[in-house]
Full PDB file with SEQRES, HELIX, SHEET, SSBOND, CRYST1, ORIGX, SCALE, CONECT and MASTER records, all heavy atoms in Angstrom:
SEQRES   1 A   34  SER SER ASP ASN ALA LYS ASN THR VAL TYR LEU GLN MET          
SEQRES   2 A   34  ASN SER LEU LYS PRO ASP ASP THR ALA VAL TYR TYR CYS          
SEQRES   3 A   34  ALA ALA VAL ASN ASN PRO ALA TRP                              
HELIX    1 AA1 ASN A    4  LYS A    6  5                                   3    
HELIX    2 AA2 PRO A   18  ASP A   20  5                                   3    
SHEET    1 AA1 2 SER A   2  ASP A   3  0                                        
SHEET    2 AA1 2 THR A   8  VAL A   9 -1                                        
CRYST1    1.000    1.000    1.000  90.00  90.00  90.00 P 1           1          
ORIGX1      1.000000  0.000000  0.000000        0.00000                         
ORIGX2      0.000000  1.000000  0.000000        0.00000                         
ORIGX3      0.000000  0.000000  1.000000        0.00000                         
SCALE1      1.000000  0.000000  0.000000        0.00000                         
SCALE2      0.000000  1.000000  0.000000        0.00000                         
SCALE3      0.000000  0.000000  1.000000        0.00000                         
ATOM      1  N   SER A   1     120.410  81.093 104.161  1.00  0.00           N  
ATOM      2  CA  SER A   1     121.343  80.531 103.283  1.00  0.00           C  
ATOM      3  C   SER A   1     122.436  81.486 102.898  1.00  0.00           C  
ATOM      4  O   SER A   1     122.330  82.654 103.177  1.00  0.00           O  
ATOM      5  CB  SER A   1     120.672  79.903 102.034  1.00  0.00           C  
ATOM      6  OG  SER A   1     120.077  80.988 101.235  1.00  0.00           O  
ATOM      7  N   SER A   2     123.455  80.998 102.172  1.00  0.00           N  
ATOM      8  CA  SER A   2     124.566  81.870 101.836  1.00  0.00           C  
ATOM      9  C   SER A   2     125.088  81.479 100.484  1.00  0.00           C  
ATOM     10  O   SER A   2     124.952  80.349  99.963  1.00  0.00           O  
ATOM     11  CB  SER A   2     125.731  81.775 102.876  1.00  0.00           C  
ATOM     12  OG  SER A   2     126.287  80.460 102.884  1.00  0.00           O  
ATOM     13  N   ASP A   3     125.739  82.442  99.868  1.00  0.00           N  
ATOM     14  CA  ASP A   3     126.517  82.231  98.589  1.00  0.00           C  
ATOM     15  C   ASP A   3     127.842  82.864  98.839  1.00  0.00           C  
ATOM     16  O   ASP A   3     128.031  84.051  98.777  1.00  0.00           O  
ATOM     17  CB  ASP A   3     125.837  82.890  97.406  1.00  0.00           C  
ATOM     18  CG  ASP A   3     126.479  82.584  96.068  1.00  0.00           C  
ATOM     19  OD1 ASP A   3     127.675  82.234  96.139  1.00  0.00           O  
ATOM     20  OD2 ASP A   3     125.818  82.650  95.071  1.00  0.00           O  
ATOM     21  N   ASN A   4     128.813  81.985  99.253  1.00  0.00           N  
ATOM     22  CA  ASN A   4     130.159  82.564  99.630  1.00  0.00           C  
ATOM     23  C   ASN A   4     130.822  83.251  98.455  1.00  0.00           C  
ATOM     24  O   ASN A   4     131.505  84.217  98.628  1.00  0.00           O  
ATOM     25  CB  ASN A   4     131.046  81.430 100.174  1.00  0.00           C  
ATOM     26  CG  ASN A   4     130.722  81.088 101.576  1.00  0.00           C  
ATOM     27  OD1 ASN A   4     131.587  80.594 102.309  1.00  0.00           O  
ATOM     28  ND2 ASN A   4     129.534  81.264 102.072  1.00  0.00           N  
ATOM     29  N   ALA A   5     130.621  82.730  97.240  1.00  0.00           N  
ATOM     30  CA  ALA A   5     131.212  83.415  96.106  1.00  0.00           C  
ATOM     31  C   ALA A   5     130.738  84.791  95.931  1.00  0.00           C  
ATOM     32  O   ALA A   5     131.511  85.641  95.420  1.00  0.00           O  
ATOM     33  CB  ALA A   5     130.959  82.569  94.835  1.00  0.00           C  
ATOM     34  N   LYS A   6     129.506  85.077  96.309  1.00  0.00           N  
ATOM     35  CA  LYS A   6     128.991  86.453  96.229  1.00  0.00           C  
ATOM     36  C   LYS A   6     129.063  87.198  97.555  1.00  0.00           C  
ATOM     37  O   LYS A   6     128.646  88.365  97.629  1.00  0.00           O  
ATOM     38  CB  LYS A   6     127.516  86.391  95.832  1.00  0.00           C  
ATOM     39  CG  LYS A   6     127.286  85.810  94.447  1.00  0.00           C  
ATOM     40  CD  LYS A   6     125.819  85.773  94.069  1.00  0.00           C  
ATOM     41  CE  LYS A   6     125.592  85.293  92.688  1.00  0.00           C  
ATOM     42  NZ  LYS A   6     124.166  85.197  92.294  1.00  0.00           N  
ATOM     43  N   ASN A   7     129.636  86.526  98.605  1.00  0.00           N  
ATOM     44  CA  ASN A   7     129.780  87.125  99.936  1.00  0.00           C  
ATOM     45  C   ASN A   7     128.435  87.709 100.422  1.00  0.00           C  
ATOM     46  O   ASN A   7     128.366  88.789 101.003  1.00  0.00           O  
ATOM     47  CB  ASN A   7     130.829  88.272  99.848  1.00  0.00           C  
ATOM     48  CG  ASN A   7     131.739  88.297 101.083  1.00  0.00           C  
ATOM     49  OD1 ASN A   7     132.079  87.218 101.646  1.00  0.00           O  
ATOM     50  ND2 ASN A   7     132.046  89.497 101.578  1.00  0.00           N  
ATOM     51  N   THR A   8     127.418  86.866 100.264  1.00  0.00           N  
ATOM     52  CA  THR A   8     126.066  87.287 100.514  1.00  0.00           C  
ATOM     53  C   THR A   8     125.287  86.203 101.265  1.00  0.00           C  
ATOM     54  O   THR A   8     125.491  85.032 101.049  1.00  0.00           O  
ATOM     55  CB  THR A   8     125.338  87.598  99.204  1.00  0.00           C  
ATOM     56  OG1 THR A   8     125.967  88.624  98.533  1.00  0.00           O  
ATOM     57  CG2 THR A   8     123.887  88.007  99.505  1.00  0.00           C  
ATOM     58  N   VAL A   9     124.508  86.727 102.235  1.00  0.00           N  
ATOM     59  CA  VAL A   9     123.606  85.782 102.955  1.00  0.00           C  
ATOM     60  C   VAL A   9     122.132  86.182 102.649  1.00  0.00           C  
ATOM     61  O   VAL A   9     121.872  87.372 102.459  1.00  0.00           O  
ATOM     62  CB  VAL A   9     123.856  85.913 104.453  1.00  0.00           C  
ATOM     63  CG1 VAL A   9     122.788  85.144 105.306  1.00  0.00           C  
ATOM     64  CG2 VAL A   9     125.228  85.345 104.781  1.00  0.00           C  
ATOM     65  N   TYR A  10     121.333  85.206 102.610  1.00  0.00           N  
ATOM     66  CA  TYR A  10     119.910  85.393 102.208  1.00  0.00           C  
ATOM     67  C   TYR A  10     119.010  84.954 103.362  1.00  0.00           C  
ATOM     68  O   TYR A  10     119.322  84.041 104.155  1.00  0.00           O  
ATOM     69  CB  TYR A  10     119.548  84.589 100.976  1.00  0.00           C  
ATOM     70  CG  TYR A  10     120.436  84.946  99.802  1.00  0.00           C  
ATOM     71  CD1 TYR A  10     121.517  84.147  99.509  1.00  0.00           C  
ATOM     72  CD2 TYR A  10     120.202  86.016  98.995  1.00  0.00           C  
ATOM     73  CE1 TYR A  10     122.330  84.419  98.414  1.00  0.00           C  
ATOM     74  CE2 TYR A  10     121.063  86.333  97.925  1.00  0.00           C  
ATOM     75  CZ  TYR A  10     122.100  85.511  97.622  1.00  0.00           C  
ATOM     76  OH  TYR A  10     122.900  85.840  96.566  1.00  0.00           O  
ATOM     77  N   LEU A  11     117.804  85.514 103.407  1.00  0.00           N  
ATOM     78  CA  LEU A  11     116.731  85.026 104.308  1.00  0.00           C  
ATOM     79  C   LEU A  11     115.475  84.930 103.426  1.00  0.00           C  
ATOM     80  O   LEU A  11     114.859  85.888 103.061  1.00  0.00           O  
ATOM     81  CB  LEU A  11     116.547  85.973 105.479  1.00  0.00           C  
ATOM     82  CG  LEU A  11     115.518  85.476 106.531  1.00  0.00           C  
ATOM     83  CD1 LEU A  11     116.119  84.323 107.255  1.00  0.00           C  
ATOM     84  CD2 LEU A  11     115.160  86.610 107.493  1.00  0.00           C  
ATOM     85  N   GLN A  12     115.179  83.661 103.150  1.00  0.00           N  
ATOM     86  CA  GLN A  12     113.907  83.407 102.412  1.00  0.00           C  
ATOM     87  C   GLN A  12     112.758  83.334 103.445  1.00  0.00           C  
ATOM     88  O   GLN A  12     112.793  82.583 104.384  1.00  0.00           O  
ATOM     89  CB  GLN A  12     113.970  82.083 101.687  1.00  0.00           C  
ATOM     90  CG  GLN A  12     112.720  81.694 100.938  1.00  0.00           C  
ATOM     91  CD  GLN A  12     112.403  82.638  99.806  1.00  0.00           C  
ATOM     92  OE1 GLN A  12     113.303  82.974  99.033  1.00  0.00           O  
ATOM     93  NE2 GLN A  12     111.107  83.068  99.685  1.00  0.00           N  
ATOM     94  N   MET A  13     111.746  84.206 103.294  1.00  0.00           N  
ATOM     95  CA  MET A  13     110.670  84.328 104.211  1.00  0.00           C  
ATOM     96  C   MET A  13     109.370  83.903 103.517  1.00  0.00           C  
ATOM     97  O   MET A  13     108.911  84.529 102.547  1.00  0.00           O  
ATOM     98  CB  MET A  13     110.535  85.762 104.740  1.00  0.00           C  
ATOM     99  CG  MET A  13     111.858  86.268 105.325  1.00  0.00           C  
ATOM    100  SD  MET A  13     111.648  87.853 106.215  1.00  0.00           S  
ATOM    101  CE  MET A  13     111.082  88.895 104.841  1.00  0.00           C  
ATOM    102  N   ASN A  14     108.818  82.786 103.982  1.00  0.00           N  
ATOM    103  CA  ASN A  14     107.543  82.300 103.381  1.00  0.00           C  
ATOM    104  C   ASN A  14     106.427  82.396 104.461  1.00  0.00           C  
ATOM    105  O   ASN A  14     106.696  82.518 105.617  1.00  0.00           O  
ATOM    106  CB  ASN A  14     107.746  80.841 102.932  1.00  0.00           C  
ATOM    107  CG  ASN A  14     108.729  80.693 101.832  1.00  0.00           C  
ATOM    108  OD1 ASN A  14     108.908  81.626 100.972  1.00  0.00           O  
ATOM    109  ND2 ASN A  14     109.398  79.534 101.793  1.00  0.00           N  
ATOM    110  N   SER A  15     105.247  82.226 103.970  1.00  0.00           N  
ATOM    111  CA  SER A  15     104.062  82.217 104.898  1.00  0.00           C  
ATOM    112  C   SER A  15     104.051  83.426 105.818  1.00  0.00           C  
ATOM    113  O   SER A  15     103.879  83.256 107.072  1.00  0.00           O  
ATOM    114  CB  SER A  15     103.992  80.880 105.679  1.00  0.00           C  
ATOM    115  OG  SER A  15     103.904  79.786 104.822  1.00  0.00           O  
ATOM    116  N   LEU A  16     104.311  84.570 105.266  1.00  0.00           N  
ATOM    117  CA  LEU A  16     104.511  85.738 106.105  1.00  0.00           C  
ATOM    118  C   LEU A  16     103.146  86.147 106.784  1.00  0.00           C  
ATOM    119  O   LEU A  16     102.065  85.962 106.266  1.00  0.00           O  
ATOM    120  CB  LEU A  16     104.954  86.932 105.281  1.00  0.00           C  
ATOM    121  CG  LEU A  16     106.449  86.844 104.930  1.00  0.00           C  
ATOM    122  CD1 LEU A  16     106.781  87.762 103.737  1.00  0.00           C  
ATOM    123  CD2 LEU A  16     107.280  87.221 106.129  1.00  0.00           C  
ATOM    124  N   LYS A  17     103.303  86.613 107.953  1.00  0.00           N  
ATOM    125  CA  LYS A  17     102.229  87.055 108.772  1.00  0.00           C  
ATOM    126  C   LYS A  17     102.326  88.546 109.226  1.00  0.00           C  
ATOM    127  O   LYS A  17     103.445  89.051 109.144  1.00  0.00           O  
ATOM    128  CB  LYS A  17     102.217  86.241 110.136  1.00  0.00           C  
ATOM    129  CG  LYS A  17     102.298  84.717 109.977  1.00  0.00           C  
ATOM    130  CD  LYS A  17     102.385  84.064 111.311  1.00  0.00           C  
ATOM    131  CE  LYS A  17     102.478  82.520 111.176  1.00  0.00           C  
ATOM    132  NZ  LYS A  17     102.675  81.862 112.494  1.00  0.00           N  
ATOM    133  N   PRO A  18     101.229  89.182 109.544  1.00  0.00           N  
ATOM    134  CA  PRO A  18     101.342  90.535 109.957  1.00  0.00           C  
ATOM    135  C   PRO A  18     102.330  90.727 111.112  1.00  0.00           C  
ATOM    136  O   PRO A  18     103.048  91.784 111.186  1.00  0.00           O  
ATOM    137  CB  PRO A  18      99.974  90.915 110.356  1.00  0.00           C  
ATOM    138  CG  PRO A  18      99.068  90.050 109.494  1.00  0.00           C  
ATOM    139  CD  PRO A  18      99.788  88.814 109.388  1.00  0.00           C  
ATOM    140  N   ASP A  19     102.491  89.757 111.969  1.00  0.00           N  
ATOM    141  CA  ASP A  19     103.451  89.868 113.109  1.00  0.00           C  
ATOM    142  C   ASP A  19     104.911  89.889 112.628  1.00  0.00           C  
ATOM    143  O   ASP A  19     105.749  90.230 113.472  1.00  0.00           O  
ATOM    144  CB  ASP A  19     103.239  88.626 114.100  1.00  0.00           C  
ATOM    145  CG  ASP A  19     102.057  88.822 114.935  1.00  0.00           C  
ATOM    146  OD1 ASP A  19     101.419  89.870 115.006  1.00  0.00           O  
ATOM    147  OD2 ASP A  19     101.678  87.822 115.610  1.00  0.00           O  
ATOM    148  N   ASP A  20     105.121  89.540 111.361  1.00  0.00           N  
ATOM    149  CA  ASP A  20     106.498  89.635 110.813  1.00  0.00           C  
ATOM    150  C   ASP A  20     106.854  91.018 110.397  1.00  0.00           C  
ATOM    151  O   ASP A  20     108.055  91.221 110.063  1.00  0.00           O  
ATOM    152  CB  ASP A  20     106.633  88.685 109.654  1.00  0.00           C  
ATOM    153  CG  ASP A  20     106.477  87.249 109.980  1.00  0.00           C  
ATOM    154  OD1 ASP A  20     107.053  86.776 111.029  1.00  0.00           O  
ATOM    155  OD2 ASP A  20     105.834  86.459 109.248  1.00  0.00           O  
ATOM    156  N   THR A  21     105.924  91.926 110.433  1.00  0.00           N  
ATOM    157  CA  THR A  21     106.232  93.323 110.066  1.00  0.00           C  
ATOM    158  C   THR A  21     107.343  93.929 110.990  1.00  0.00           C  
ATOM    159  O   THR A  21     107.157  93.893 112.181  1.00  0.00           O  
ATOM    160  CB  THR A  21     104.993  94.202 110.150  1.00  0.00           C  
ATOM    161  OG1 THR A  21     104.041  93.733 109.181  1.00  0.00           O  
ATOM    162  CG2 THR A  21     105.266  95.665 109.825  1.00  0.00           C  
ATOM    163  N   ALA A  22     108.403  94.390 110.380  1.00  0.00           N  
ATOM    164  CA  ALA A  22     109.521  94.862 111.124  1.00  0.00           C  
ATOM    165  C   ALA A  22     110.567  95.375 110.204  1.00  0.00           C  
ATOM    166  O   ALA A  22     110.483  95.185 108.950  1.00  0.00           O  
ATOM    167  CB  ALA A  22     110.151  93.754 111.971  1.00  0.00           C  
ATOM    168  N   VAL A  23     111.509  96.120 110.749  1.00  0.00           N  
ATOM    169  CA  VAL A  23     112.755  96.398 110.036  1.00  0.00           C  
ATOM    170  C   VAL A  23     113.723  95.247 110.321  1.00  0.00           C  
ATOM    171  O   VAL A  23     113.983  94.871 111.437  1.00  0.00           O  
ATOM    172  CB  VAL A  23     113.391  97.755 110.464  1.00  0.00           C  
ATOM    173  CG1 VAL A  23     114.682  97.980 109.741  1.00  0.00           C  
ATOM    174  CG2 VAL A  23     112.428  98.899 110.196  1.00  0.00           C  
ATOM    175  N   TYR A  24     114.257  94.653 109.251  1.00  0.00           N  
ATOM    176  CA  TYR A  24     115.101  93.519 109.326  1.00  0.00           C  
ATOM    177  C   TYR A  24     116.558  93.956 109.059  1.00  0.00           C  
ATOM    178  O   TYR A  24     116.855  94.696 108.068  1.00  0.00           O  
ATOM    179  CB  TYR A  24     114.749  92.504 108.271  1.00  0.00           C  
ATOM    180  CG  TYR A  24     113.499  91.704 108.651  1.00  0.00           C  
ATOM    181  CD1 TYR A  24     112.248  92.298 108.637  1.00  0.00           C  
ATOM    182  CD2 TYR A  24     113.561  90.348 109.116  1.00  0.00           C  
ATOM    183  CE1 TYR A  24     111.044  91.629 109.033  1.00  0.00           C  
ATOM    184  CE2 TYR A  24     112.458  89.615 109.440  1.00  0.00           C  
ATOM    185  CZ  TYR A  24     111.170  90.314 109.469  1.00  0.00           C  
ATOM    186  OH  TYR A  24     110.118  89.629 109.808  1.00  0.00           O  
ATOM    187  N   TYR A  25     117.437  93.539 109.946  1.00  0.00           N  
ATOM    188  CA  TYR A  25     118.864  93.865 109.909  1.00  0.00           C  
ATOM    189  C   TYR A  25     119.729  92.630 109.773  1.00  0.00           C  
ATOM    190  O   TYR A  25     119.349  91.594 110.388  1.00  0.00           O  
ATOM    191  CB  TYR A  25     119.272  94.608 111.139  1.00  0.00           C  
ATOM    192  CG  TYR A  25     118.553  95.844 111.486  1.00  0.00           C  
ATOM    193  CD1 TYR A  25     117.298  95.810 112.208  1.00  0.00           C  
ATOM    194  CD2 TYR A  25     119.030  97.095 111.116  1.00  0.00           C  
ATOM    195  CE1 TYR A  25     116.643  96.984 112.490  1.00  0.00           C  
ATOM    196  CE2 TYR A  25     118.357  98.246 111.416  1.00  0.00           C  
ATOM    197  CZ  TYR A  25     117.209  98.181 112.074  1.00  0.00           C  
ATOM    198  OH  TYR A  25     116.554  99.352 112.413  1.00  0.00           O  
ATOM    199  N   CYS A  26     120.775  92.696 109.098  1.00  0.00           N  
ATOM    200  CA  CYS A  26     121.788  91.574 109.192  1.00  0.00           C  
ATOM    201  C   CYS A  26     122.977  92.179 109.937  1.00  0.00           C  
ATOM    202  O   CYS A  26     123.230  93.388 109.956  1.00  0.00           O  
ATOM    203  CB  CYS A  26     122.193  91.077 107.835  1.00  0.00           C  
ATOM    204  SG  CYS A  26     123.000  92.190 106.716  1.00  0.00           S  
ATOM    205  N   ALA A  27     123.708  91.284 110.580  1.00  0.00           N  
ATOM    206  CA  ALA A  27     124.881  91.628 111.395  1.00  0.00           C  
ATOM    207  C   ALA A  27     125.892  90.537 111.323  1.00  0.00           C  
ATOM    208  O   ALA A  27     125.536  89.404 110.987  1.00  0.00           O  
ATOM    209  CB  ALA A  27     124.396  91.864 112.866  1.00  0.00           C  
ATOM    210  N   ALA A  28     127.112  90.876 111.647  1.00  0.00           N  
ATOM    211  CA  ALA A  28     128.265  89.974 111.517  1.00  0.00           C  
ATOM    212  C   ALA A  28     129.103  89.999 112.724  1.00  0.00           C  
ATOM    213  O   ALA A  28     129.402  91.046 113.314  1.00  0.00           O  
ATOM    214  CB  ALA A  28     129.092  90.325 110.249  1.00  0.00           C  
ATOM    215  N   VAL A  29     129.637  88.827 113.097  1.00  0.00           N  
ATOM    216  CA  VAL A  29     130.564  88.708 114.199  1.00  0.00           C  
ATOM    217  C   VAL A  29     131.491  87.478 113.864  1.00  0.00           C  
ATOM    218  O   VAL A  29     130.986  86.492 113.345  1.00  0.00           O  
ATOM    219  CB  VAL A  29     129.884  88.511 115.528  1.00  0.00           C  
ATOM    220  CG1 VAL A  29     129.004  87.291 115.575  1.00  0.00           C  
ATOM    221  CG2 VAL A  29     130.907  88.477 116.656  1.00  0.00           C  
ATOM    222  N   ASN A  30     132.752  87.651 114.277  1.00  0.00           N  
ATOM    223  CA  ASN A  30     133.696  86.636 113.991  1.00  0.00           C  
ATOM    224  C   ASN A  30     133.814  85.614 115.105  1.00  0.00           C  
ATOM    225  O   ASN A  30     134.172  85.971 116.257  1.00  0.00           O  
ATOM    226  CB  ASN A  30     135.103  87.292 113.771  1.00  0.00           C  
ATOM    227  CG  ASN A  30     136.191  86.284 113.464  1.00  0.00           C  
ATOM    228  OD1 ASN A  30     137.212  86.208 114.195  1.00  0.00           O  
ATOM    229  ND2 ASN A  30     136.027  85.521 112.375  1.00  0.00           N  
ATOM    230  N   ASN A  31     133.404  84.387 114.816  1.00  0.00           N  
ATOM    231  CA  ASN A  31     133.639  83.251 115.675  1.00  0.00           C  
ATOM    232  C   ASN A  31     133.054  83.435 117.117  1.00  0.00           C  
ATOM    233  O   ASN A  31     133.811  83.238 118.101  1.00  0.00           O  
ATOM    234  CB  ASN A  31     135.094  82.930 115.729  1.00  0.00           C  
ATOM    235  CG  ASN A  31     135.343  81.504 116.318  1.00  0.00           C  
ATOM    236  OD1 ASN A  31     134.522  80.561 116.054  1.00  0.00           O  
ATOM    237  ND2 ASN A  31     136.440  81.309 116.986  1.00  0.00           N  
ATOM    238  N   PRO A  32     131.862  83.716 117.244  1.00  0.00           N  
ATOM    239  CA  PRO A  32     131.200  83.660 118.564  1.00  0.00           C  
ATOM    240  C   PRO A  32     130.934  82.296 119.083  1.00  0.00           C  
ATOM    241  O   PRO A  32     130.945  81.337 118.283  1.00  0.00           O  
ATOM    242  CB  PRO A  32     129.909  84.453 118.381  1.00  0.00           C  
ATOM    243  CG  PRO A  32     129.487  84.053 117.022  1.00  0.00           C  
ATOM    244  CD  PRO A  32     130.814  83.928 116.269  1.00  0.00           C  
ATOM    245  N   ALA A  33     130.723  82.144 120.370  1.00  0.00           N  
ATOM    246  CA  ALA A  33     130.226  80.866 120.887  1.00  0.00           C  
ATOM    247  C   ALA A  33     128.892  80.531 120.181  1.00  0.00           C  
ATOM    248  O   ALA A  33     128.020  81.358 120.084  1.00  0.00           O  
ATOM    249  CB  ALA A  33     130.094  80.913 122.384  1.00  0.00           C  
ATOM    250  N   TRP A  34     128.779  79.251 119.777  1.00  0.00           N  
ATOM    251  CA  TRP A  34     127.552  78.847 119.019  1.00  0.00           C  
ATOM    252  C   TRP A  34     126.513  78.399 120.111  1.00  0.00           C  
ATOM    253  O   TRP A  34     126.298  77.203 120.223  1.00  0.00           O  
ATOM    254  CB  TRP A  34     127.893  77.767 117.998  1.00  0.00           C  
ATOM    255  CG  TRP A  34     126.720  77.507 117.107  1.00  0.00           C  
ATOM    256  CD1 TRP A  34     125.920  76.419 117.173  1.00  0.00           C  
ATOM    257  CD2 TRP A  34     126.183  78.290 116.065  1.00  0.00           C  
ATOM    258  NE1 TRP A  34     124.918  76.484 116.200  1.00  0.00           N  
ATOM    259  CE2 TRP A  34     125.065  77.663 115.522  1.00  0.00           C  
ATOM    260  CE3 TRP A  34     126.534  79.556 115.547  1.00  0.00           C  
ATOM    261  CZ2 TRP A  34     124.314  78.188 114.442  1.00  0.00           C  
ATOM    262  CZ3 TRP A  34     125.822  80.096 114.512  1.00  0.00           C  
ATOM    263  CH2 TRP A  34     124.786  79.372 113.971  1.00  0.00           C  
TER     264      TRP A  34                                                      
MASTER        0    0    0    2    2    0    0    6  263    1    0    3          
END                                                                             
């Protein structure tokens, strides 16, 4: 999800599993092919 007023994107992670263990990164790109 996002809050444009705060210029912030969120990732709500539920039902977490040990396989989800990782370093999580966010990244940005302008207008890629969807």
